[in-house]
Amino acid sequence: MKQVILTGDRPTGRLHVGHYAGSLRERVKLQNSGSFDEIYIMIADAQALTDNAEHPEKVRQNIMQVALDYLSCGIDPEKSTIFIQSMVPQLTELSFYYMNLVTVSRLQRNPTVKSEIQMRNFEASIPVGFFCYPISQAADITAFGATAVPAGEDQMPMIEQCREIVHKFNAVYGETLTEPQIILPENASCCRLPGIDGKAKMSKSLGNCIYLSDEPKEIERKVMSMFTDPNHIKVSDPGRVEGNPVFLYLDAFCEPEDFSQFLPEYSSLQELKEHYQRGGLGDIKVKRFLSQVLQSRLQPIYQRRKEWEQRLPEVYEMLYQGSMAARERAEQTLEAVRHAMKIDYFTQSSLLQ
């Protein structure tokens, strides 16, 4: 069986360090591993429209921003097919068929859907398109025969629902669809970074993000404003590292060599944590170290983005060619689905059989 990756992001704005730590860094690693036959990376504009229907121009503008972030992070169009979701109409037809395999109560129980509805204040008026998000995502994944989906921990309920749809379809119509597995970041701290304000989730709408395209001075400003342990008032006070955003970010991004370069009085992150916990280490010093670490990690990404911004026609052509290739692959799955359901009516006179 071919080993295939499908992953992607909603173009609701520039991508941030949560995206990078949670999945982008892993995607680049997997892309370059040589372990996968095909890699599809989707800019999910149709899904973004489920809660931006009145502002499609925002989604349109952000498609190029996400593409630039992909390229600057190291996604290689020679190895990965980057495409725009709405340019692959087969995904819509697959979603339509899958809707008959999922109950309303099952969608209501999906933890990711419930949390997203709450975050967007949709409790009283949930758009149907948004409510059916897990079904649409299942269509995206199965259309390309994906065996693996690199994603953050918050996407686990969505992948599980996709697997349920695959099981149901194959049980009713015969073995047709491929069951995917989620690939989580190896570093557990990367699964879900909090916002710089300490909120549980980094979100563009909350304004608590550090973006991959932020300039070094902006990164420093945001890091120095980060929420820490509210009880760590004086330098001499013992501090808490569990749940402390500054230390969670260090867990996700800090490497052993960063200490010799930026903070030579410490030999490891564990030693830094222990000093903070017993008191005598101020937040400013830890934040300054985090700022240097982040700038070191993000500087190459920032530079590559500036280079790609001068080559926008090439980015546009890459998106077009990727979308056409994705459409061709999705059509193969759609034909197999229609055949399994016996609704390929005019294929080889099937109505006469």
Protein backbone atom coordinates (compact mmCIF):
# COMPACT_ATOMS: atom_id res chain seq x y z
CA MET A 1 0.00 0.00 0.00
CA LYS A 2 1.21 3.50 -0.82
CA GLN A 3 2.11 5.65 2.16
CA VAL A 4 0.29 8.96 1.74
CA ILE A 5 0.08 12.11 3.87
CA LEU A 6 -2.78 14.60 3.85
CA THR A 7 -2.65 17.66 6.07
CA GLY A 8 -3.42 21.35 5.86
CA ASP A 9 -4.59 24.57 7.47
CA ARG A 10 -7.50 26.98 7.24
CA PRO A 11 -6.48 30.29 5.61
CA THR A 12 -7.83 32.53 8.34
CA GLY A 13 -4.59 34.48 8.65
CA ARG A 14 -0.85 34.09 8.81
CA LEU A 15 0.41 30.93 10.50
CA HIS A 16 1.91 31.15 13.98
CA VAL A 17 4.43 29.27 16.12
CA GLY A 18 1.65 27.02 17.40
CA HIS A 19 1.13 25.75 13.86
CA TYR A 20 4.87 25.32 13.45
CA ALA A 21 5.45 23.44 16.70
CA GLY A 22 2.23 21.44 16.39
CA SER A 23 2.50 20.21 12.81
CA LEU A 24 4.49 22.29 10.30
CA ARG A 25 7.89 21.28 11.67
CA GLU A 26 6.79 17.65 11.65
CA ARG A 27 5.50 17.94 8.06
CA VAL A 28 8.86 19.13 6.81
CA LYS A 29 10.59 16.29 8.64
CA LEU A 30 8.20 13.71 7.18
CA GLN A 31 8.46 15.26 3.71
CA ASN A 32 12.23 14.86 3.77
CA SER A 33 12.21 11.39 5.37
CA GLY A 34 11.64 9.53 2.11
CA SER A 35 9.09 7.30 3.88
CA PHE A 36 6.05 8.56 1.97
CA ASP A 37 5.06 8.08 -1.64
CA GLU A 38 2.74 11.09 -1.87
CA ILE A 39 2.24 14.18 0.27
CA TYR A 40 -0.75 16.51 -0.08
CA ILE A 41 -0.94 19.78 1.82
CA MET A 42 -4.26 21.55 1.60
CA ILE A 43 -5.14 25.21 2.08
CA ALA A 44 -8.64 24.63 3.43
CA ASP A 45 -10.42 27.73 2.12
CA ALA A 46 -13.83 26.02 1.91
CA GLN A 47 -13.62 25.10 5.59
CA ALA A 48 -12.55 28.64 6.43
CA LEU A 49 -15.71 29.92 4.75
CA THR A 50 -17.90 27.96 7.20
CA ASP A 51 -17.39 30.76 9.73
CA ASN A 52 -16.31 33.52 7.33
CA ALA A 53 -19.13 33.28 4.78
CA GLU A 54 -19.77 37.01 4.88
CA HIS A 55 -16.11 37.89 4.33
CA PRO A 56 -14.79 35.66 1.52
CA GLU A 57 -12.29 38.34 0.55
CA LYS A 58 -10.42 37.72 3.83
CA VAL A 59 -10.12 34.03 3.02
CA ARG A 60 -8.96 34.82 -0.51
CA GLN A 61 -6.25 37.18 0.73
CA ASN A 62 -5.01 34.69 3.30
CA ILE A 63 -4.51 31.85 0.80
CA MET A 64 -1.29 33.43 -0.44
CA GLN A 65 -0.19 34.18 3.13
CA VAL A 66 -0.51 30.52 4.11
CA ALA A 67 1.27 29.41 0.92
CA LEU A 68 4.16 31.75 1.73
CA ASP A 69 4.34 30.39 5.27
CA TYR A 70 4.44 26.82 3.93
CA LEU A 71 7.28 27.58 1.55
CA SER A 72 9.24 29.58 4.11
CA CYS A 73 9.01 26.70 6.62
CA GLY A 74 10.56 24.31 4.12
CA ILE A 75 7.60 22.67 2.39
CA ASP A 76 9.02 21.76 -1.03
CA PRO A 77 6.58 21.80 -4.00
CA GLU A 78 8.84 19.27 -5.69
CA LYS A 79 8.11 16.79 -2.89
CA SER A 80 4.67 17.90 -1.66
CA THR A 81 1.52 18.85 -3.57
CA ILE A 82 0.16 22.12 -2.17
CA PHE A 83 -3.42 22.80 -3.29
CA ILE A 84 -6.51 24.90 -2.61
CA GLN A 85 -9.45 22.92 -1.24
CA SER A 86 -12.24 24.62 -3.20
CA MET A 87 -10.41 23.96 -6.46
CA VAL A 88 -11.05 20.22 -5.96
CA PRO A 89 -14.86 19.85 -6.43
CA GLN A 90 -14.68 16.08 -5.89
CA LEU A 91 -14.28 16.79 -2.17
CA THR A 92 -17.76 18.34 -2.05
CA GLU A 93 -19.37 15.30 -3.68
CA LEU A 94 -17.61 12.91 -1.31
CA SER A 95 -18.82 14.99 1.65
CA PHE A 96 -22.38 14.69 0.35
CA TYR A 97 -22.20 10.90 0.30
CA TYR A 98 -20.54 10.68 3.72
CA MET A 99 -23.28 12.80 5.32
CA ASN A 100 -25.58 9.81 5.06
CA LEU A 101 -23.22 7.77 7.24
CA VAL A 102 -23.08 10.12 10.24
CA THR A 103 -25.81 11.03 12.72
CA VAL A 104 -26.46 14.51 14.10
CA SER A 105 -25.94 13.27 17.65
CA ARG A 106 -22.50 11.91 16.73
CA LEU A 107 -21.44 15.29 15.33
CA GLN A 108 -22.72 16.99 18.48
CA ARG A 109 -20.51 14.74 20.61
CA ASN A 110 -17.31 15.59 18.73
CA PRO A 111 -15.12 17.37 21.34
CA THR A 112 -13.31 19.49 18.74
CA VAL A 113 -16.58 20.69 17.21
CA LYS A 114 -18.00 21.47 20.66
CA SER A 115 -14.97 23.52 21.70
CA GLU A 116 -14.82 25.39 18.38
CA ILE A 117 -18.54 26.22 18.58
CA GLN A 118 -18.05 27.58 22.09
CA MET A 119 -14.98 29.59 21.11
CA ARG A 120 -16.85 31.23 18.21
CA ASN A 121 -20.04 31.82 20.21
CA PHE A 122 -22.07 29.72 17.77
CA GLU A 123 -24.20 28.03 20.46
CA ALA A 124 -27.44 29.69 19.32
CA SER A 125 -26.80 29.76 15.57
CA ILE A 126 -24.42 27.11 14.25
CA PRO A 127 -23.82 27.29 10.49
CA VAL A 128 -24.58 23.89 8.96
CA GLY A 129 -21.30 23.99 7.04
CA PHE A 130 -19.36 24.47 10.26
CA PHE A 131 -21.33 21.75 12.02
CA CYS A 132 -20.43 19.31 9.22
CA TYR A 133 -16.74 20.18 9.44
CA PRO A 134 -15.73 16.62 10.53
CA ILE A 135 -17.48 15.14 7.48
CA SER A 136 -15.76 17.57 5.15
CA GLN A 137 -12.42 16.74 6.74
CA ALA A 138 -13.07 13.02 6.26
CA ALA A 139 -13.66 13.69 2.56
CA ASP A 140 -10.38 15.60 2.36
CA ILE A 141 -8.43 12.79 3.99
CA THR A 142 -9.98 9.85 2.14
CA ALA A 143 -9.96 11.54 -1.27
CA PHE A 144 -6.21 11.08 -1.45
CA GLY A 145 -6.03 7.69 0.19
CA ALA A 146 -4.16 9.22 3.11
CA THR A 147 -2.60 6.70 5.46
CA ALA A 148 -1.23 9.38 7.80
CA VAL A 149 -2.34 12.82 8.98
CA PRO A 150 0.25 14.93 10.85
CA ALA A 151 -1.74 17.12 13.22
CA GLY A 152 -1.95 18.55 16.71
CA GLU A 153 -3.54 16.81 19.65
CA ASP A 154 -6.74 18.85 19.27
CA GLN A 155 -7.42 17.11 15.95
CA MET A 156 -7.55 13.59 17.40
CA PRO A 157 -11.38 13.55 17.68
CA MET A 158 -11.63 14.62 14.04
CA ILE A 159 -9.37 11.82 12.84
CA GLU A 160 -11.31 9.33 14.95
CA GLN A 161 -14.55 10.45 13.32
CA CYS A 162 -12.94 10.06 9.89
CA ARG A 163 -11.97 6.51 10.80
CA GLU A 164 -15.58 5.83 11.83
CA ILE A 165 -16.80 7.05 8.44
CA VAL A 166 -14.26 4.85 6.67
CA HIS A 167 -15.39 1.80 8.70
CA LYS A 168 -19.04 2.53 8.00
CA PHE A 169 -18.53 3.05 4.28
CA ASN A 170 -16.43 -0.08 3.87
CA ALA A 171 -18.91 -2.14 5.90
CA VAL A 172 -21.86 -1.01 3.80
CA TYR A 173 -20.32 -0.82 0.33
CA GLY A 174 -17.20 -2.99 0.47
CA GLU A 175 -13.53 -2.23 1.07
CA THR A 176 -12.93 1.04 -0.77
CA LEU A 177 -11.56 3.73 1.54
CA THR A 178 -8.22 3.86 3.38
CA GLU A 179 -8.16 4.25 7.16
CA PRO A 180 -5.81 7.05 8.31
CA GLN A 181 -3.62 7.31 11.39
CA ILE A 182 -2.74 10.56 13.14
CA ILE A 183 0.92 11.51 13.55
CA LEU A 184 1.41 13.63 16.66
CA PRO A 185 4.54 15.72 17.35
CA GLU A 186 7.26 13.69 19.05
CA ASN A 187 7.64 16.41 21.67
CA ALA A 188 4.49 16.34 23.81
CA SER A 189 4.97 20.04 24.62
CA CYS A 190 4.39 20.83 20.94
CA CYS A 191 0.92 19.33 20.81
CA ARG A 192 -0.84 22.48 21.89
CA LEU A 193 0.96 25.70 22.74
CA PRO A 194 -1.03 28.24 24.75
CA GLY A 195 -1.38 31.84 23.72
CA ILE A 196 1.09 34.41 25.02
CA ASP A 197 -1.70 35.62 27.32
CA GLY A 198 -1.93 32.23 29.00
CA LYS A 199 -5.19 31.28 27.28
CA ALA A 200 -5.49 27.57 26.50
CA LYS A 201 -5.24 28.03 22.76
CA MET A 202 -3.19 30.29 20.55
CA SER A 203 -5.73 31.98 18.29
CA LYS A 204 -5.62 34.75 15.71
CA SER A 205 -9.02 35.99 16.86
CA LEU A 206 -7.72 36.38 20.43
CA GLY A 207 -4.64 38.27 19.28
CA ASN A 208 -2.34 36.10 21.40
CA CYS A 209 -0.10 34.68 18.65
CA ILE A 210 3.53 34.91 17.65
CA TYR A 211 3.47 34.68 13.87
CA LEU A 212 6.09 32.96 11.74
CA SER A 213 6.35 36.16 9.71
CA ASP A 214 6.88 38.45 12.74
CA GLU A 215 10.00 40.58 12.66
CA PRO A 216 12.61 39.96 15.40
CA LYS A 217 11.64 43.10 17.33
CA GLU A 218 7.99 42.06 17.29
CA ILE A 219 8.90 38.60 18.59
CA GLU A 220 10.84 40.20 21.43
CA ARG A 221 7.96 42.55 22.27
CA LYS A 222 5.45 39.71 22.41
CA VAL A 223 7.68 37.42 24.46
CA MET A 224 8.43 40.13 26.99
CA SER A 225 4.67 40.65 27.45
CA MET A 226 3.94 36.96 28.00
CA PHE A 227 1.87 35.70 30.89
CA THR A 228 3.87 33.74 33.48
CA ASP A 229 3.26 32.49 37.02
CA PRO A 230 1.05 35.20 38.63
CA ASN A 231 2.40 34.29 42.08
CA HIS A 232 6.01 34.83 41.02
CA ILE A 233 6.00 38.50 41.99
CA LYS A 234 9.53 38.95 43.32
CA VAL A 235 12.70 37.44 41.87
CA SER A 236 13.21 35.66 45.18
CA ASP A 237 9.76 34.02 45.04
CA PRO A 238 9.56 30.33 44.07
CA GLY A 239 8.03 30.01 40.61
CA ARG A 240 5.81 27.46 38.95
CA VAL A 241 6.89 25.96 35.61
CA GLU A 242 3.89 23.65 35.07
CA GLY A 243 1.42 25.47 32.84
CA ASN A 244 3.72 28.49 32.62
CA PRO A 245 3.61 29.60 28.94
CA VAL A 246 7.24 30.76 28.92
CA PHE A 247 8.48 27.34 29.98
CA LEU A 248 6.01 25.54 27.70
CA TYR A 249 7.48 27.47 24.77
CA LEU A 250 10.99 26.60 25.92
CA ASP A 251 9.97 22.93 26.10
CA ALA A 252 8.82 23.18 22.48
CA PHE A 253 11.69 25.17 20.97
CA CYS A 254 14.77 25.10 23.21
CA GLU A 255 17.77 22.97 22.18
CA PRO A 256 20.78 22.06 24.39
CA GLU A 257 23.12 24.24 22.33
CA ASP A 258 21.00 27.32 23.04
CA PHE A 259 22.44 27.55 26.54
CA SER A 260 26.05 27.84 25.46
CA GLN A 261 25.02 30.50 22.96
CA PHE A 262 22.49 32.57 24.91
CA LEU A 263 22.58 31.56 28.60
CA PRO A 264 25.97 29.96 29.41
CA GLU A 265 25.46 30.04 33.20
CA TYR A 266 23.03 27.15 32.79
CA SER A 267 23.75 23.79 31.21
CA SER A 268 20.22 22.59 30.55
CA LEU A 269 16.54 23.51 30.59
CA GLN A 270 16.05 21.30 33.63
CA GLU A 271 18.63 23.31 35.57
CA LEU A 272 16.88 26.54 34.55
CA LYS A 273 13.52 25.17 35.69
CA GLU A 274 14.91 24.06 39.04
CA HIS A 275 16.36 27.51 39.72
CA TYR A 276 13.03 29.15 38.85
CA GLN A 277 11.14 26.73 41.10
CA ARG A 278 13.29 27.37 44.17
CA GLY A 279 13.35 31.14 43.62
CA GLY A 280 16.06 33.60 42.69
CA LEU A 281 15.40 33.68 38.95
CA GLY A 282 13.35 36.51 37.46
CA ASP A 283 10.83 36.29 34.65
CA ILE A 284 12.65 38.95 32.60
CA LYS A 285 15.78 36.83 32.32
CA VAL A 286 13.83 33.72 31.29
CA LYS A 287 11.76 35.69 28.77
CA ARG A 288 14.88 37.26 27.27
CA PHE A 289 16.32 33.77 26.79
CA LEU A 290 13.08 32.55 25.17
CA SER A 291 13.09 35.57 22.85
CA GLN A 292 16.62 34.73 21.69
CA VAL A 293 15.70 31.07 21.17
CA LEU A 294 12.60 31.92 19.13
CA GLN A 295 14.40 34.49 17.03
CA SER A 296 17.11 31.94 16.31
CA ARG A 297 14.53 29.36 15.16
CA LEU A 298 12.36 31.76 13.19
CA GLN A 299 15.03 33.88 11.51
CA PRO A 300 15.63 31.42 8.60
CA ILE A 301 11.86 31.15 8.10
CA TYR A 302 11.53 34.94 8.08
CA GLN A 303 14.33 35.30 5.52
CA ARG A 304 12.92 32.63 3.19
CA ARG A 305 9.51 34.29 3.34
CA LYS A 306 10.99 37.61 2.25
CA GLU A 307 12.59 35.85 -0.71
CA TRP A 308 9.34 34.12 -1.74
CA GLU A 309 7.45 37.41 -1.47
CA GLN A 310 9.52 38.57 -4.44
CA ARG A 311 8.39 35.52 -6.47
CA LEU A 312 4.60 35.67 -6.14
CA PRO A 313 3.86 34.60 -9.76
CA GLU A 314 5.77 31.37 -9.07
CA VAL A 315 3.74 30.80 -5.91
CA TYR A 316 0.51 31.35 -7.86
CA GLU A 317 1.57 28.85 -10.55
CA MET A 318 2.58 26.34 -7.88
CA LEU A 319 -0.88 26.57 -6.31
CA TYR A 320 -2.60 26.15 -9.68
CA GLN A 321 -0.54 23.12 -10.69
CA GLY A 322 -0.95 21.58 -7.24
CA SER A 323 -4.72 22.05 -7.33
CA MET A 324 -4.99 20.40 -10.74
CA ALA A 325 -2.89 17.43 -9.58
CA ALA A 326 -5.03 17.11 -6.44
CA ARG A 327 -8.21 17.23 -8.52
CA GLU A 328 -6.96 14.38 -10.69
CA ARG A 329 -6.11 12.22 -7.66
CA ALA A 330 -9.40 12.94 -5.91
CA GLU A 331 -11.32 11.99 -9.06
CA GLN A 332 -9.85 8.49 -8.85
CA THR A 333 -11.22 8.05 -5.33
CA LEU A 334 -14.59 9.54 -6.30
CA GLU A 335 -14.91 7.05 -9.17
CA ALA A 336 -14.13 4.20 -6.79
CA VAL A 337 -16.71 5.47 -4.29
CA ARG A 338 -19.41 5.85 -6.92
CA HIS A 339 -18.66 2.37 -8.23
CA ALA A 340 -18.83 0.86 -4.74
CA MET A 341 -22.18 2.57 -4.16
CA LYS A 342 -23.36 1.42 -7.62
CA ILE A 343 -24.19 4.97 -8.69
CA ASP A 344 -21.75 5.11 -11.59
CA TYR A 345 -24.79 4.82 -13.84
CA PHE A 346 -23.31 5.50 -17.26
CA THR A 347 -20.00 3.74 -16.85
CA GLN A 348 -19.85 0.79 -19.24
CA SER A 349 -23.65 0.62 -19.45
CA SER A 350 -23.92 -0.12 -15.73
CA LEU A 351 -27.68 0.60 -15.79
CA LEU A 352 -28.13 -2.51 -17.93
CA GLN A 353 -26.35 -4.78 -15.44
